[in-house]
Amino acid sequence: GDCFPCPPEGCPMMGHYADRFPDKLKRENQKYFLNTAADKPFAAWRQKVFIKLSGVKETRGDINLVYYDTEGHTKEYEIANGDLSQDEVYTKYLDVEINPKNTSKIEFIWNKAVFSLLWARLGAKTVNIVHGEDG
C-alpha cells in the first residue's frame, strides 16, 4: 500500500511496455509485487476502501462489500470482523477481480457474530473507494 495510488508519472508496467519507465529501471535490487486474481483473466484492480459505520455504538460481527459487474458476476470481500464500532473508520486494501469500469453496484453487508434479543442494526454511514490506475 505504500505506492498506492500510482506515482504522478504513472504505475510502472511489466512486459512489453516496461521500457516506458526508464527511470525505474536505473535502480538496482528492486522488488516488485504483482497481485493476481484466482481465475482467468487473472486481472485485479487495487482499491482502498474506507467505511464509516452508523447504527449501534458497538457490536461484534463482520462487514463485507459485494461487487457486481454488468455481466452478472459477483465477488464478496471482507472489510473487517470482530468488535465493530460506529466511532471507527475501517480501511482495507482490496485487489478486486471486477473491473471498476464494469462495476454496476457495490453492496454493503453486515453480519452479527452473536445471537442477541436486541434488534441492533448496523449500516454504512459512508463508503469511499479510491481506485489505483486501471490495470
N, C-alpha and C. Protein backbone atom coordinates (compact mmCIF):
# COMPACT_ATOMS: atom_id res chain seq x y z
N GLY A 1 0.78 -1.20 0.00
CA GLY A 1 0.00 0.00 0.00
C GLY A 1 0.83 1.28 0.00
N ASP A 2 2.17 1.19 0.14
CA ASP A 2 2.98 2.39 0.18
C ASP A 2 3.00 3.13 -1.14
N CYS A 3 2.78 2.45 -2.23
CA CYS A 3 2.83 3.09 -3.54
C CYS A 3 1.44 3.22 -4.15
N PHE A 4 0.43 3.30 -3.29
CA PHE A 4 -0.95 3.41 -3.77
C PHE A 4 -1.45 4.81 -3.49
N PRO A 5 -2.13 5.49 -4.37
CA PRO A 5 -2.23 5.10 -5.77
C PRO A 5 -0.90 5.33 -6.48
N CYS A 6 -0.88 5.15 -7.77
CA CYS A 6 0.36 5.21 -8.53
C CYS A 6 1.01 6.59 -8.40
N PRO A 7 2.34 6.65 -8.56
CA PRO A 7 3.04 7.94 -8.52
C PRO A 7 2.62 8.82 -9.69
N PRO A 8 2.93 10.13 -9.64
CA PRO A 8 2.50 11.06 -10.70
C PRO A 8 2.90 10.62 -12.11
N GLU A 9 4.05 9.96 -12.24
CA GLU A 9 4.48 9.52 -13.57
C GLU A 9 3.78 8.25 -14.03
N GLY A 10 2.91 7.71 -13.18
CA GLY A 10 2.16 6.51 -13.54
C GLY A 10 2.75 5.26 -12.92
N CYS A 11 1.99 4.20 -12.95
CA CYS A 11 2.47 2.92 -12.41
C CYS A 11 3.41 2.28 -13.41
N PRO A 12 4.52 1.73 -12.94
CA PRO A 12 5.41 1.00 -13.85
C PRO A 12 4.66 -0.18 -14.47
N MET A 13 4.94 -0.45 -15.71
CA MET A 13 4.30 -1.57 -16.39
C MET A 13 5.31 -2.68 -16.57
N MET A 14 4.81 -3.87 -16.62
CA MET A 14 5.66 -5.04 -16.83
C MET A 14 5.53 -5.49 -18.28
N GLY A 15 6.46 -6.31 -18.70
CA GLY A 15 6.37 -6.92 -20.01
C GLY A 15 6.72 -5.97 -21.14
N HIS A 16 5.93 -6.01 -22.18
CA HIS A 16 6.21 -5.31 -23.42
C HIS A 16 6.43 -3.81 -23.23
N TYR A 17 5.71 -3.17 -22.31
CA TYR A 17 5.78 -1.72 -22.13
C TYR A 17 6.71 -1.29 -21.00
N ALA A 18 7.52 -2.17 -20.46
CA ALA A 18 8.40 -1.84 -19.35
C ALA A 18 9.40 -0.75 -19.71
N ASP A 19 9.76 -0.64 -20.98
CA ASP A 19 10.74 0.36 -21.38
C ASP A 19 10.19 1.78 -21.32
N ARG A 20 8.91 1.95 -21.07
CA ARG A 20 8.32 3.28 -20.94
C ARG A 20 8.65 3.93 -19.60
N PHE A 21 9.30 3.20 -18.73
CA PHE A 21 9.65 3.69 -17.40
C PHE A 21 11.16 3.54 -17.17
N PRO A 22 11.99 4.22 -17.99
CA PRO A 22 13.45 4.03 -17.90
C PRO A 22 14.02 4.46 -16.54
N ASP A 23 13.47 5.48 -15.89
CA ASP A 23 14.00 5.89 -14.59
C ASP A 23 13.81 4.81 -13.54
N LYS A 24 12.76 4.06 -13.64
CA LYS A 24 12.51 2.98 -12.69
C LYS A 24 13.52 1.85 -12.88
N LEU A 25 14.01 1.68 -14.11
CA LEU A 25 14.92 0.58 -14.40
C LEU A 25 16.36 0.88 -13.97
N LYS A 26 16.69 2.13 -13.67
CA LYS A 26 18.04 2.51 -13.28
C LYS A 26 18.39 2.01 -11.88
N ARG A 27 17.39 1.88 -11.03
CA ARG A 27 17.65 1.41 -9.67
C ARG A 27 17.95 -0.09 -9.69
N GLU A 28 18.83 -0.50 -8.80
CA GLU A 28 19.17 -1.92 -8.71
C GLU A 28 18.51 -2.55 -7.49
N ASN A 29 18.41 -3.86 -7.54
CA ASN A 29 17.87 -4.64 -6.43
C ASN A 29 16.48 -4.18 -6.01
N GLN A 30 15.63 -3.95 -6.97
CA GLN A 30 14.25 -3.57 -6.68
C GLN A 30 13.41 -4.82 -6.50
N LYS A 31 12.39 -4.70 -5.68
CA LYS A 31 11.43 -5.79 -5.52
C LYS A 31 10.11 -5.32 -6.11
N TYR A 32 9.51 -6.17 -6.90
CA TYR A 32 8.21 -5.88 -7.49
C TYR A 32 7.23 -6.94 -7.03
N PHE A 33 6.01 -6.50 -6.77
CA PHE A 33 4.97 -7.41 -6.34
C PHE A 33 3.82 -7.31 -7.31
N LEU A 34 3.27 -8.44 -7.66
CA LEU A 34 2.16 -8.48 -8.61
C LEU A 34 1.05 -9.30 -7.99
N ASN A 35 -0.05 -8.65 -7.72
CA ASN A 35 -1.22 -9.35 -7.19
C ASN A 35 -2.10 -9.78 -8.35
N THR A 36 -2.51 -11.03 -8.31
CA THR A 36 -3.36 -11.54 -9.37
C THR A 36 -4.63 -12.14 -8.77
N ALA A 37 -5.61 -12.27 -9.62
CA ALA A 37 -6.86 -12.93 -9.22
C ALA A 37 -6.69 -14.44 -9.34
N ALA A 38 -7.59 -15.17 -8.74
CA ALA A 38 -7.52 -16.62 -8.75
C ALA A 38 -7.96 -17.23 -10.08
N ASP A 39 -8.83 -16.51 -10.82
CA ASP A 39 -9.40 -17.06 -12.03
C ASP A 39 -9.04 -16.22 -13.24
N LYS A 40 -9.16 -16.82 -14.44
CA LYS A 40 -8.92 -16.09 -15.68
C LYS A 40 -9.81 -14.88 -15.74
N PRO A 41 -9.37 -13.78 -16.23
CA PRO A 41 -8.09 -13.48 -16.87
C PRO A 41 -6.99 -13.08 -15.88
N PHE A 42 -7.18 -13.34 -14.58
CA PHE A 42 -6.20 -13.11 -13.52
C PHE A 42 -5.94 -11.64 -13.22
N ALA A 43 -6.70 -10.73 -13.80
CA ALA A 43 -6.53 -9.30 -13.55
C ALA A 43 -7.13 -8.94 -12.20
N ALA A 44 -6.50 -7.98 -11.53
CA ALA A 44 -7.01 -7.46 -10.27
C ALA A 44 -6.75 -5.96 -10.23
N TRP A 45 -7.68 -5.22 -9.65
CA TRP A 45 -7.58 -3.77 -9.56
C TRP A 45 -7.47 -3.39 -8.10
N ARG A 46 -6.36 -2.73 -7.73
CA ARG A 46 -6.14 -2.33 -6.34
C ARG A 46 -7.07 -1.17 -5.98
N GLN A 47 -7.76 -1.33 -4.86
CA GLN A 47 -8.65 -0.29 -4.37
C GLN A 47 -8.44 -0.15 -2.86
N LYS A 48 -8.59 1.07 -2.38
CA LYS A 48 -8.52 1.32 -0.95
C LYS A 48 -9.92 1.73 -0.51
N VAL A 49 -10.47 0.98 0.45
CA VAL A 49 -11.85 1.18 0.89
C VAL A 49 -11.86 1.77 2.30
N PHE A 50 -12.69 2.80 2.49
CA PHE A 50 -12.91 3.41 3.79
C PHE A 50 -14.40 3.28 4.10
N ILE A 51 -14.74 2.71 5.27
CA ILE A 51 -16.13 2.59 5.67
C ILE A 51 -16.32 3.18 7.06
N LYS A 52 -17.25 4.11 7.15
CA LYS A 52 -17.66 4.69 8.44
C LYS A 52 -19.03 4.11 8.75
N LEU A 53 -19.16 3.50 9.92
CA LEU A 53 -20.39 2.81 10.28
C LEU A 53 -21.40 3.75 10.94
N SER A 54 -22.66 3.34 10.91
CA SER A 54 -23.73 4.03 11.62
C SER A 54 -24.57 2.97 12.31
N GLY A 55 -25.34 3.38 13.29
CA GLY A 55 -26.21 2.43 13.99
C GLY A 55 -25.78 2.26 15.42
N VAL A 56 -25.75 1.02 15.90
CA VAL A 56 -25.41 0.73 17.29
C VAL A 56 -24.00 1.21 17.60
N LYS A 57 -23.76 1.54 18.86
CA LYS A 57 -22.45 2.04 19.28
C LYS A 57 -21.36 1.00 19.07
N GLU A 58 -21.58 -0.22 19.58
CA GLU A 58 -20.60 -1.29 19.43
C GLU A 58 -21.31 -2.62 19.31
N THR A 59 -20.72 -3.51 18.53
CA THR A 59 -21.26 -4.86 18.39
C THR A 59 -20.16 -5.76 17.83
N ARG A 60 -20.43 -7.05 17.76
CA ARG A 60 -19.47 -8.00 17.18
C ARG A 60 -20.06 -8.53 15.89
N GLY A 61 -19.20 -8.73 14.91
CA GLY A 61 -19.66 -9.27 13.64
C GLY A 61 -18.64 -8.99 12.55
N ASP A 62 -19.11 -8.97 11.32
CA ASP A 62 -18.22 -8.66 10.21
C ASP A 62 -18.95 -7.79 9.20
N ILE A 63 -18.15 -7.02 8.46
CA ILE A 63 -18.69 -6.20 7.38
C ILE A 63 -17.99 -6.58 6.09
N ASN A 64 -18.79 -6.71 5.04
CA ASN A 64 -18.31 -7.12 3.73
C ASN A 64 -18.86 -6.20 2.66
N LEU A 65 -18.16 -6.16 1.54
CA LEU A 65 -18.67 -5.49 0.35
C LEU A 65 -18.80 -6.54 -0.74
N VAL A 66 -19.91 -6.49 -1.48
CA VAL A 66 -20.12 -7.38 -2.62
C VAL A 66 -20.11 -6.51 -3.87
N TYR A 67 -19.22 -6.83 -4.80
CA TYR A 67 -19.12 -6.11 -6.07
C TYR A 67 -19.92 -6.87 -7.12
N TYR A 68 -20.66 -6.13 -7.93
CA TYR A 68 -21.44 -6.69 -9.04
C TYR A 68 -20.96 -6.04 -10.33
N ASP A 69 -20.83 -6.84 -11.39
CA ASP A 69 -20.49 -6.21 -12.67
C ASP A 69 -21.65 -6.30 -13.64
N THR A 70 -21.48 -5.68 -14.78
CA THR A 70 -22.55 -5.58 -15.77
C THR A 70 -22.86 -6.91 -16.45
N GLU A 71 -21.99 -7.92 -16.25
CA GLU A 71 -22.21 -9.24 -16.87
C GLU A 71 -22.80 -10.25 -15.89
N GLY A 72 -23.15 -9.81 -14.68
CA GLY A 72 -23.76 -10.71 -13.71
C GLY A 72 -22.79 -11.40 -12.76
N HIS A 73 -21.51 -11.09 -12.82
CA HIS A 73 -20.53 -11.67 -11.90
C HIS A 73 -20.56 -10.93 -10.57
N THR A 74 -20.30 -11.66 -9.49
CA THR A 74 -20.22 -11.04 -8.17
C THR A 74 -18.98 -11.55 -7.45
N LYS A 75 -18.49 -10.75 -6.53
CA LYS A 75 -17.36 -11.15 -5.71
C LYS A 75 -17.49 -10.43 -4.37
N GLU A 76 -17.37 -11.19 -3.26
CA GLU A 76 -17.51 -10.62 -1.92
C GLU A 76 -16.16 -10.50 -1.25
N TYR A 77 -15.95 -9.39 -0.54
CA TYR A 77 -14.69 -9.11 0.14
C TYR A 77 -14.97 -8.71 1.58
N GLU A 78 -14.23 -9.31 2.52
CA GLU A 78 -14.37 -8.94 3.92
C GLU A 78 -13.56 -7.68 4.19
N ILE A 79 -14.18 -6.72 4.86
CA ILE A 79 -13.51 -5.47 5.21
C ILE A 79 -13.03 -5.49 6.65
N ALA A 80 -13.85 -5.99 7.56
CA ALA A 80 -13.47 -6.05 8.97
C ALA A 80 -14.28 -7.14 9.66
N ASN A 81 -13.74 -7.66 10.79
CA ASN A 81 -14.52 -8.59 11.61
C ASN A 81 -14.08 -8.44 13.06
N GLY A 82 -14.94 -8.91 13.95
CA GLY A 82 -14.66 -8.79 15.38
C GLY A 82 -15.49 -7.69 15.99
N ASP A 83 -14.87 -6.90 16.87
CA ASP A 83 -15.56 -5.79 17.51
C ASP A 83 -15.70 -4.65 16.53
N LEU A 84 -16.93 -4.20 16.31
CA LEU A 84 -17.21 -3.12 15.37
C LEU A 84 -17.80 -1.94 16.13
N SER A 85 -17.40 -0.75 15.76
CA SER A 85 -17.87 0.45 16.44
C SER A 85 -18.21 1.53 15.44
N GLN A 86 -19.27 2.27 15.72
CA GLN A 86 -19.65 3.36 14.82
C GLN A 86 -18.66 4.52 14.90
N ASP A 87 -17.77 4.50 15.87
CA ASP A 87 -16.77 5.56 16.01
C ASP A 87 -15.54 5.32 15.14
N GLU A 88 -15.42 4.17 14.55
CA GLU A 88 -14.23 3.82 13.77
C GLU A 88 -14.46 3.99 12.27
N VAL A 89 -13.37 4.25 11.56
CA VAL A 89 -13.37 4.18 10.10
C VAL A 89 -12.54 2.96 9.74
N TYR A 90 -13.13 2.02 9.04
CA TYR A 90 -12.46 0.78 8.67
C TYR A 90 -11.84 0.96 7.29
N THR A 91 -10.55 0.69 7.20
CA THR A 91 -9.80 0.87 5.96
C THR A 91 -9.21 -0.46 5.54
N LYS A 92 -9.29 -0.74 4.25
CA LYS A 92 -8.74 -2.01 3.75
C LYS A 92 -8.32 -1.83 2.30
N TYR A 93 -7.18 -2.42 1.94
CA TYR A 93 -6.77 -2.51 0.54
C TYR A 93 -7.37 -3.79 -0.03
N LEU A 94 -8.00 -3.68 -1.18
CA LEU A 94 -8.58 -4.83 -1.86
C LEU A 94 -7.98 -4.97 -3.24
N ASP A 95 -7.76 -6.19 -3.67
CA ASP A 95 -7.43 -6.48 -5.06
C ASP A 95 -8.69 -7.06 -5.68
N VAL A 96 -9.48 -6.18 -6.26
CA VAL A 96 -10.81 -6.53 -6.75
C VAL A 96 -10.71 -7.18 -8.12
N GLU A 97 -11.41 -8.29 -8.28
CA GLU A 97 -11.38 -9.04 -9.53
C GLU A 97 -12.39 -8.54 -10.54
N ILE A 98 -13.19 -7.56 -10.16
CA ILE A 98 -14.18 -7.00 -11.08
C ILE A 98 -13.68 -5.63 -11.53
N ASN A 99 -13.56 -5.46 -12.83
CA ASN A 99 -13.05 -4.23 -13.41
C ASN A 99 -13.91 -3.05 -12.96
N PRO A 100 -13.29 -2.00 -12.39
CA PRO A 100 -14.08 -0.84 -11.96
C PRO A 100 -14.92 -0.23 -13.08
N LYS A 101 -14.47 -0.33 -14.32
CA LYS A 101 -15.23 0.21 -15.45
C LYS A 101 -16.53 -0.55 -15.67
N ASN A 102 -16.58 -1.82 -15.23
CA ASN A 102 -17.76 -2.66 -15.43
C ASN A 102 -18.57 -2.87 -14.15
N THR A 103 -18.21 -2.19 -13.06
CA THR A 103 -18.92 -2.37 -11.80
C THR A 103 -20.29 -1.70 -11.89
N SER A 104 -21.35 -2.49 -11.64
CA SER A 104 -22.70 -1.94 -11.71
C SER A 104 -23.19 -1.48 -10.34
N LYS A 105 -22.77 -2.17 -9.26
CA LYS A 105 -23.13 -1.74 -7.91
C LYS A 105 -22.22 -2.42 -6.91
N ILE A 106 -22.18 -1.83 -5.70
CA ILE A 106 -21.43 -2.39 -4.58
C ILE A 106 -22.39 -2.43 -3.40
N GLU A 107 -22.53 -3.61 -2.81
CA GLU A 107 -23.48 -3.81 -1.72
C GLU A 107 -22.74 -3.94 -0.39
N PHE A 108 -23.24 -3.27 0.64
CA PHE A 108 -22.71 -3.33 2.00
C PHE A 108 -23.47 -4.42 2.75
N ILE A 109 -22.74 -5.34 3.41
CA ILE A 109 -23.38 -6.42 4.18
C ILE A 109 -22.78 -6.45 5.58
N TRP A 110 -23.65 -6.52 6.57
CA TRP A 110 -23.24 -6.67 7.96
C TRP A 110 -23.82 -7.95 8.52
N ASN A 111 -22.98 -8.75 9.18
CA ASN A 111 -23.42 -9.99 9.80
C ASN A 111 -23.11 -9.92 11.29
N LYS A 112 -24.12 -10.20 12.13
CA LYS A 112 -23.90 -10.25 13.58
C LYS A 112 -23.19 -11.54 13.93
N ALA A 113 -22.25 -11.46 14.89
CA ALA A 113 -21.49 -12.64 15.29
C ALA A 113 -22.19 -13.43 16.39
N VAL A 114 -22.99 -12.77 17.19
CA VAL A 114 -23.64 -13.44 18.32
C VAL A 114 -25.14 -13.21 18.27
N PHE A 115 -25.86 -14.20 18.76
CA PHE A 115 -27.32 -14.06 18.83
C PHE A 115 -27.66 -13.08 19.94
N SER A 116 -28.56 -12.20 19.65
CA SER A 116 -28.99 -11.21 20.64
C SER A 116 -30.47 -10.96 20.47
N LEU A 117 -31.16 -10.76 21.59
CA LEU A 117 -32.57 -10.42 21.52
C LEU A 117 -32.78 -8.97 21.12
N LEU A 118 -31.71 -8.19 21.19
CA LEU A 118 -31.80 -6.80 20.79
C LEU A 118 -31.85 -6.70 19.28
N TRP A 119 -32.59 -5.76 18.78
CA TRP A 119 -32.71 -5.57 17.34
C TRP A 119 -31.66 -4.58 16.86
N ALA A 120 -30.45 -4.78 17.30
CA ALA A 120 -29.37 -3.88 16.92
C ALA A 120 -29.12 -3.97 15.42
N ARG A 121 -28.94 -2.82 14.83
CA ARG A 121 -28.66 -2.76 13.40
C ARG A 121 -27.41 -1.93 13.18
N LEU A 122 -26.71 -2.27 12.13
CA LEU A 122 -25.50 -1.57 11.76
C LEU A 122 -25.56 -1.28 10.28
N GLY A 123 -25.16 -0.11 9.91
CA GLY A 123 -25.17 0.26 8.49
C GLY A 123 -23.92 1.02 8.14
N ALA A 124 -23.83 1.40 6.89
CA ALA A 124 -22.70 2.19 6.41
C ALA A 124 -23.12 3.64 6.33
N LYS A 125 -22.48 4.49 7.11
CA LYS A 125 -22.73 5.92 7.01
C LYS A 125 -22.10 6.45 5.74
N THR A 126 -20.86 6.03 5.48
CA THR A 126 -20.17 6.39 4.24
C THR A 126 -19.31 5.21 3.78
N VAL A 127 -19.21 5.03 2.49
CA VAL A 127 -18.30 4.07 1.87
C VAL A 127 -17.55 4.84 0.79
N ASN A 128 -16.25 5.00 0.96
CA ASN A 128 -15.42 5.68 -0.03
C ASN A 128 -14.44 4.68 -0.60
N ILE A 129 -14.30 4.68 -1.91
CA ILE A 129 -13.39 3.76 -2.58
C ILE A 129 -12.46 4.57 -3.45
N VAL A 130 -11.15 4.36 -3.26
CA VAL A 130 -10.13 5.03 -4.06
C VAL A 130 -9.56 3.98 -5.01
N HIS A 131 -9.58 4.28 -6.30
CA HIS A 131 -9.06 3.35 -7.30
C HIS A 131 -7.63 3.71 -7.64
N GLY A 132 -6.81 2.67 -7.88
CA GLY A 132 -5.50 2.89 -8.46
C GLY A 132 -5.70 3.10 -9.94
N GLU A 133 -4.62 3.15 -10.70
CA GLU A 133 -4.78 3.26 -12.15
C GLU A 133 -5.34 1.94 -12.68
N ASP A 134 -6.02 2.02 -13.83
CA ASP A 134 -6.57 0.81 -14.42
C ASP A 134 -5.45 -0.15 -14.73
N GLY A 135 -5.64 -1.45 -14.36
CA GLY A 135 -4.58 -2.42 -14.54
C GLY A 135 -4.98 -3.53 -15.44
